[in-house]
Amino acid sequence: MKTILSLAALAAAAVGAPAVAQTAAPLPSVSVRHADLDLSNPRDVKRLDYRIVHAVTGVCGDASSADPAGQNDVQRCRVETLAAANAQRSALLAAVPSQNLLASAR
């Protein structure tokens, strides 16, 4: 679990899809690499957060300002995908030994 977080655009399946589809299209997804980060360092946690937000923006895409419904779909995708990514992020950070705990144990 040290190499990537995987994000899938959760709302993308509902965007513009008919109620009954013949075949389900795969959801767009992206991996967020973090093997190069020391997640016990707050600066690297901020780097991870930046990567997550950047990945969510990329996987959910954009909509024209002339398409309010599309903008709403993109916003919903971003909110739902970011929530899922934050759940993965929380689990990842919970597995990282805290430097404060190590320092207090000495």
N, C-alpha and C. Protein backbone atom coordinates (compact mmCIF):
# COMPACT_ATOMS: atom_id res chain seq x y z
N MET A 1 0.83 -1.19 0.00
CA MET A 1 0.00 0.00 0.00
C MET A 1 0.87 1.25 0.00
N LYS A 2 2.14 1.09 -0.22
CA LYS A 2 3.07 2.21 -0.18
C LYS A 2 3.17 2.93 -1.53
N THR A 3 2.63 2.38 -2.58
CA THR A 3 2.89 2.98 -3.89
C THR A 3 1.79 3.87 -4.44
N ILE A 4 0.52 3.50 -4.36
CA ILE A 4 -0.50 4.31 -5.01
C ILE A 4 -1.82 4.33 -4.25
N LEU A 5 -2.55 5.42 -4.44
CA LEU A 5 -3.97 5.48 -4.10
C LEU A 5 -4.69 5.43 -5.43
N SER A 6 -5.79 4.75 -5.50
CA SER A 6 -6.53 4.66 -6.75
C SER A 6 -7.84 5.41 -6.62
N LEU A 7 -8.10 6.31 -7.55
CA LEU A 7 -9.33 7.10 -7.54
C LEU A 7 -10.17 6.75 -8.75
N ALA A 8 -11.44 6.57 -8.55
CA ALA A 8 -12.37 6.37 -9.65
C ALA A 8 -13.43 7.45 -9.58
N ALA A 9 -13.82 7.95 -10.70
CA ALA A 9 -14.84 8.99 -10.74
C ALA A 9 -16.19 8.35 -10.48
N LEU A 10 -16.68 8.47 -9.26
CA LEU A 10 -17.88 7.77 -8.83
C LEU A 10 -19.13 8.26 -9.56
N ALA A 11 -19.24 9.54 -9.76
CA ALA A 11 -20.45 10.08 -10.37
C ALA A 11 -20.43 9.99 -11.89
N ALA A 12 -19.32 9.64 -12.47
CA ALA A 12 -19.20 9.64 -13.93
C ALA A 12 -20.15 8.65 -14.58
N ALA A 13 -20.48 7.58 -13.90
CA ALA A 13 -21.37 6.58 -14.49
C ALA A 13 -22.77 7.15 -14.69
N ALA A 14 -23.18 8.07 -13.83
CA ALA A 14 -24.53 8.63 -13.92
C ALA A 14 -24.60 9.82 -14.87
N VAL A 15 -23.48 10.42 -15.19
CA VAL A 15 -23.47 11.62 -16.02
C VAL A 15 -23.80 11.26 -17.46
N GLY A 16 -24.94 11.69 -17.91
CA GLY A 16 -25.32 11.50 -19.30
C GLY A 16 -25.61 10.06 -19.69
N ALA A 17 -25.68 9.16 -18.73
CA ALA A 17 -25.93 7.75 -19.05
C ALA A 17 -27.42 7.48 -19.07
N PRO A 18 -27.88 6.67 -20.01
CA PRO A 18 -29.30 6.32 -20.03
C PRO A 18 -29.65 5.46 -18.82
N ALA A 19 -30.93 5.43 -18.47
CA ALA A 19 -31.38 4.68 -17.30
C ALA A 19 -31.06 3.19 -17.44
N VAL A 20 -31.20 2.66 -18.64
CA VAL A 20 -30.87 1.25 -18.87
C VAL A 20 -29.79 1.23 -19.95
N ALA A 21 -28.65 0.74 -19.58
CA ALA A 21 -27.53 0.72 -20.54
C ALA A 21 -27.27 -0.72 -20.98
N GLN A 22 -26.90 -0.87 -22.24
CA GLN A 22 -26.57 -2.19 -22.76
C GLN A 22 -25.31 -2.73 -22.10
N THR A 23 -24.26 -1.91 -22.07
CA THR A 23 -23.01 -2.31 -21.43
C THR A 23 -22.54 -1.16 -20.56
N ALA A 24 -21.99 -1.49 -19.44
CA ALA A 24 -21.49 -0.47 -18.52
C ALA A 24 -20.08 -0.08 -18.95
N ALA A 25 -19.88 1.20 -19.16
CA ALA A 25 -18.54 1.70 -19.52
C ALA A 25 -17.70 1.76 -18.24
N PRO A 26 -16.43 1.46 -18.35
CA PRO A 26 -15.58 1.54 -17.16
C PRO A 26 -15.48 2.98 -16.68
N LEU A 27 -15.43 3.13 -15.36
CA LEU A 27 -15.29 4.46 -14.78
C LEU A 27 -13.88 4.98 -15.02
N PRO A 28 -13.76 6.28 -15.30
CA PRO A 28 -12.40 6.84 -15.41
C PRO A 28 -11.70 6.70 -14.05
N SER A 29 -10.45 6.41 -14.07
CA SER A 29 -9.71 6.29 -12.81
C SER A 29 -8.28 6.76 -13.01
N VAL A 30 -7.64 7.05 -11.91
CA VAL A 30 -6.25 7.49 -11.93
C VAL A 30 -5.60 7.02 -10.63
N SER A 31 -4.33 6.79 -10.68
CA SER A 31 -3.56 6.41 -9.49
C SER A 31 -2.76 7.60 -9.02
N VAL A 32 -2.70 7.75 -7.71
CA VAL A 32 -1.92 8.83 -7.11
C VAL A 32 -0.72 8.19 -6.43
N ARG A 33 0.45 8.48 -6.95
CA ARG A 33 1.68 7.90 -6.40
C ARG A 33 2.10 8.64 -5.13
N HIS A 34 2.58 7.86 -4.17
CA HIS A 34 3.07 8.47 -2.93
C HIS A 34 4.28 7.75 -2.34
N ALA A 35 4.85 6.84 -3.10
CA ALA A 35 6.01 6.10 -2.61
C ALA A 35 7.19 7.01 -2.33
N ASP A 36 7.25 8.15 -3.03
CA ASP A 36 8.36 9.07 -2.86
C ASP A 36 8.15 10.03 -1.69
N LEU A 37 7.03 9.90 -0.99
CA LEU A 37 6.71 10.83 0.10
C LEU A 37 6.93 10.17 1.46
N ASP A 38 7.35 10.97 2.41
CA ASP A 38 7.45 10.54 3.81
C ASP A 38 6.19 11.07 4.49
N LEU A 39 5.20 10.22 4.65
CA LEU A 39 3.91 10.68 5.15
C LEU A 39 3.88 10.95 6.64
N SER A 40 5.01 10.80 7.30
CA SER A 40 5.11 11.27 8.68
C SER A 40 5.54 12.74 8.72
N ASN A 41 5.87 13.28 7.55
CA ASN A 41 6.28 14.68 7.41
C ASN A 41 5.07 15.49 6.91
N PRO A 42 4.63 16.51 7.66
CA PRO A 42 3.46 17.30 7.25
C PRO A 42 3.60 17.93 5.86
N ARG A 43 4.82 18.30 5.47
CA ARG A 43 5.02 18.89 4.14
C ARG A 43 4.70 17.86 3.05
N ASP A 44 5.09 16.62 3.26
CA ASP A 44 4.80 15.58 2.28
C ASP A 44 3.31 15.21 2.28
N VAL A 45 2.65 15.32 3.42
CA VAL A 45 1.21 15.09 3.46
C VAL A 45 0.50 16.16 2.62
N LYS A 46 0.99 17.40 2.68
CA LYS A 46 0.42 18.46 1.84
C LYS A 46 0.66 18.17 0.36
N ARG A 47 1.81 17.61 0.05
CA ARG A 47 2.08 17.22 -1.35
C ARG A 47 1.10 16.14 -1.80
N LEU A 48 0.84 15.17 -0.92
CA LEU A 48 -0.13 14.13 -1.23
C LEU A 48 -1.51 14.75 -1.47
N ASP A 49 -1.90 15.68 -0.60
CA ASP A 49 -3.20 16.34 -0.76
C ASP A 49 -3.30 17.06 -2.09
N TYR A 50 -2.23 17.74 -2.49
CA TYR A 50 -2.21 18.43 -3.78
C TYR A 50 -2.38 17.43 -4.91
N ARG A 51 -1.67 16.31 -4.83
CA ARG A 51 -1.76 15.28 -5.87
C ARG A 51 -3.18 14.73 -5.96
N ILE A 52 -3.81 14.53 -4.81
CA ILE A 52 -5.17 14.00 -4.80
C ILE A 52 -6.13 14.98 -5.47
N VAL A 53 -6.08 16.25 -5.08
CA VAL A 53 -6.97 17.26 -5.67
C VAL A 53 -6.73 17.36 -7.17
N HIS A 54 -5.46 17.35 -7.58
CA HIS A 54 -5.13 17.42 -9.00
C HIS A 54 -5.69 16.21 -9.75
N ALA A 55 -5.58 15.03 -9.15
CA ALA A 55 -6.09 13.81 -9.78
C ALA A 55 -7.61 13.82 -9.87
N VAL A 56 -8.28 14.28 -8.82
CA VAL A 56 -9.74 14.35 -8.83
C VAL A 56 -10.21 15.30 -9.93
N THR A 57 -9.55 16.45 -10.04
CA THR A 57 -9.91 17.43 -11.07
C THR A 57 -9.72 16.81 -12.46
N GLY A 58 -8.65 16.08 -12.64
CA GLY A 58 -8.39 15.45 -13.94
C GLY A 58 -9.36 14.34 -14.27
N VAL A 59 -9.69 13.51 -13.31
CA VAL A 59 -10.54 12.36 -13.58
C VAL A 59 -12.00 12.78 -13.79
N CYS A 60 -12.42 13.86 -13.15
CA CYS A 60 -13.81 14.31 -13.30
C CYS A 60 -13.99 15.26 -14.48
N GLY A 61 -12.92 15.84 -14.94
CA GLY A 61 -12.99 16.70 -16.11
C GLY A 61 -13.60 18.06 -15.83
N ASP A 62 -13.96 18.73 -16.91
CA ASP A 62 -14.55 20.06 -16.86
C ASP A 62 -15.83 20.06 -17.69
N ALA A 63 -16.62 21.10 -17.48
CA ALA A 63 -17.82 21.31 -18.31
C ALA A 63 -17.82 22.76 -18.76
N SER A 64 -18.41 22.99 -19.90
CA SER A 64 -18.52 24.33 -20.44
C SER A 64 -19.36 25.21 -19.52
N SER A 65 -19.02 26.49 -19.46
CA SER A 65 -19.82 27.43 -18.67
C SER A 65 -21.21 27.59 -19.28
N ALA A 66 -21.39 27.18 -20.52
CA ALA A 66 -22.69 27.23 -21.17
C ALA A 66 -23.54 25.99 -20.86
N ASP A 67 -23.00 25.08 -20.03
CA ASP A 67 -23.69 23.83 -19.70
C ASP A 67 -23.85 23.71 -18.19
N PRO A 68 -24.86 24.37 -17.59
CA PRO A 68 -25.04 24.31 -16.14
C PRO A 68 -25.24 22.90 -15.61
N ALA A 69 -25.97 22.07 -16.33
CA ALA A 69 -26.17 20.69 -15.88
C ALA A 69 -24.84 19.93 -15.87
N GLY A 70 -24.03 20.14 -16.90
CA GLY A 70 -22.72 19.51 -16.95
C GLY A 70 -21.82 19.99 -15.82
N GLN A 71 -21.89 21.28 -15.52
CA GLN A 71 -21.10 21.81 -14.40
C GLN A 71 -21.53 21.18 -13.09
N ASN A 72 -22.84 20.98 -12.92
CA ASN A 72 -23.34 20.33 -11.70
C ASN A 72 -22.85 18.89 -11.62
N ASP A 73 -22.85 18.19 -12.75
CA ASP A 73 -22.36 16.81 -12.78
C ASP A 73 -20.87 16.74 -12.42
N VAL A 74 -20.10 17.66 -12.97
CA VAL A 74 -18.67 17.70 -12.68
C VAL A 74 -18.44 18.00 -11.20
N GLN A 75 -19.18 18.94 -10.66
CA GLN A 75 -19.03 19.29 -9.25
C GLN A 75 -19.39 18.10 -8.36
N ARG A 76 -20.49 17.41 -8.69
CA ARG A 76 -20.90 16.24 -7.92
C ARG A 76 -19.83 15.15 -8.00
N CYS A 77 -19.29 14.94 -9.21
CA CYS A 77 -18.21 13.96 -9.39
C CYS A 77 -17.03 14.31 -8.50
N ARG A 78 -16.63 15.57 -8.50
CA ARG A 78 -15.48 15.99 -7.70
C ARG A 78 -15.71 15.79 -6.22
N VAL A 79 -16.91 16.15 -5.74
CA VAL A 79 -17.21 16.01 -4.32
C VAL A 79 -17.19 14.54 -3.91
N GLU A 80 -17.86 13.69 -4.70
CA GLU A 80 -17.93 12.27 -4.36
C GLU A 80 -16.58 11.58 -4.50
N THR A 81 -15.84 11.91 -5.53
CA THR A 81 -14.54 11.28 -5.74
C THR A 81 -13.54 11.73 -4.69
N LEU A 82 -13.58 13.01 -4.32
CA LEU A 82 -12.70 13.51 -3.27
C LEU A 82 -13.02 12.86 -1.93
N ALA A 83 -14.30 12.65 -1.65
CA ALA A 83 -14.68 11.97 -0.41
C ALA A 83 -14.12 10.56 -0.37
N ALA A 84 -14.22 9.85 -1.48
CA ALA A 84 -13.66 8.49 -1.55
C ALA A 84 -12.14 8.52 -1.41
N ALA A 85 -11.51 9.49 -2.05
CA ALA A 85 -10.04 9.61 -1.96
C ALA A 85 -9.62 9.94 -0.53
N ASN A 86 -10.39 10.79 0.13
CA ASN A 86 -10.05 11.16 1.51
C ASN A 86 -10.19 9.98 2.46
N ALA A 87 -11.10 9.08 2.17
CA ALA A 87 -11.21 7.86 2.98
C ALA A 87 -9.96 7.01 2.81
N GLN A 88 -9.49 6.88 1.57
CA GLN A 88 -8.24 6.14 1.32
C GLN A 88 -7.06 6.85 1.98
N ARG A 89 -7.05 8.17 1.88
CA ARG A 89 -5.97 8.97 2.47
C ARG A 89 -5.93 8.76 3.98
N SER A 90 -7.09 8.79 4.62
CA SER A 90 -7.16 8.61 6.07
C SER A 90 -6.62 7.24 6.48
N ALA A 91 -7.00 6.21 5.74
CA ALA A 91 -6.51 4.86 6.05
C ALA A 91 -5.00 4.78 5.85
N LEU A 92 -4.51 5.42 4.82
CA LEU A 92 -3.08 5.43 4.54
C LEU A 92 -2.32 6.13 5.66
N LEU A 93 -2.81 7.30 6.07
CA LEU A 93 -2.12 8.06 7.11
C LEU A 93 -2.23 7.39 8.48
N ALA A 94 -3.31 6.66 8.71
CA ALA A 94 -3.46 5.94 9.98
C ALA A 94 -2.40 4.85 10.12
N ALA A 95 -1.92 4.34 9.00
CA ALA A 95 -0.92 3.28 9.02
C ALA A 95 0.50 3.82 9.15
N VAL A 96 0.66 5.14 9.10
CA VAL A 96 1.98 5.75 9.20
C VAL A 96 2.33 5.98 10.67
N PRO A 97 3.47 5.47 11.11
CA PRO A 97 3.87 5.72 12.50
C PRO A 97 4.07 7.22 12.73
N SER A 98 3.55 7.69 13.82
CA SER A 98 3.68 9.11 14.15
C SER A 98 5.03 9.39 14.78
N GLN A 99 5.68 10.46 14.31
CA GLN A 99 6.97 10.85 14.90
C GLN A 99 6.76 11.33 16.33
N ASN A 100 5.60 11.92 16.61
CA ASN A 100 5.33 12.38 17.97
C ASN A 100 5.24 11.23 18.94
N LEU A 101 4.62 10.11 18.52
CA LEU A 101 4.54 8.94 19.38
C LEU A 101 5.92 8.35 19.60
N LEU A 102 6.75 8.31 18.55
CA LEU A 102 8.08 7.77 18.69
C LEU A 102 8.93 8.64 19.62
N ALA A 103 8.79 9.95 19.48
CA ALA A 103 9.57 10.87 20.31
C ALA A 103 9.14 10.77 21.77
N SER A 104 7.84 10.60 22.03
CA SER A 104 7.38 10.53 23.41
C SER A 104 7.72 9.20 24.07
N ALA A 105 7.96 8.18 23.27
CA ALA A 105 8.29 6.87 23.82
C ALA A 105 9.74 6.78 24.26
N ARG A 106 10.54 7.71 23.84
CA ARG A 106 11.98 7.68 24.18
C ARG A 106 12.26 8.13 25.57
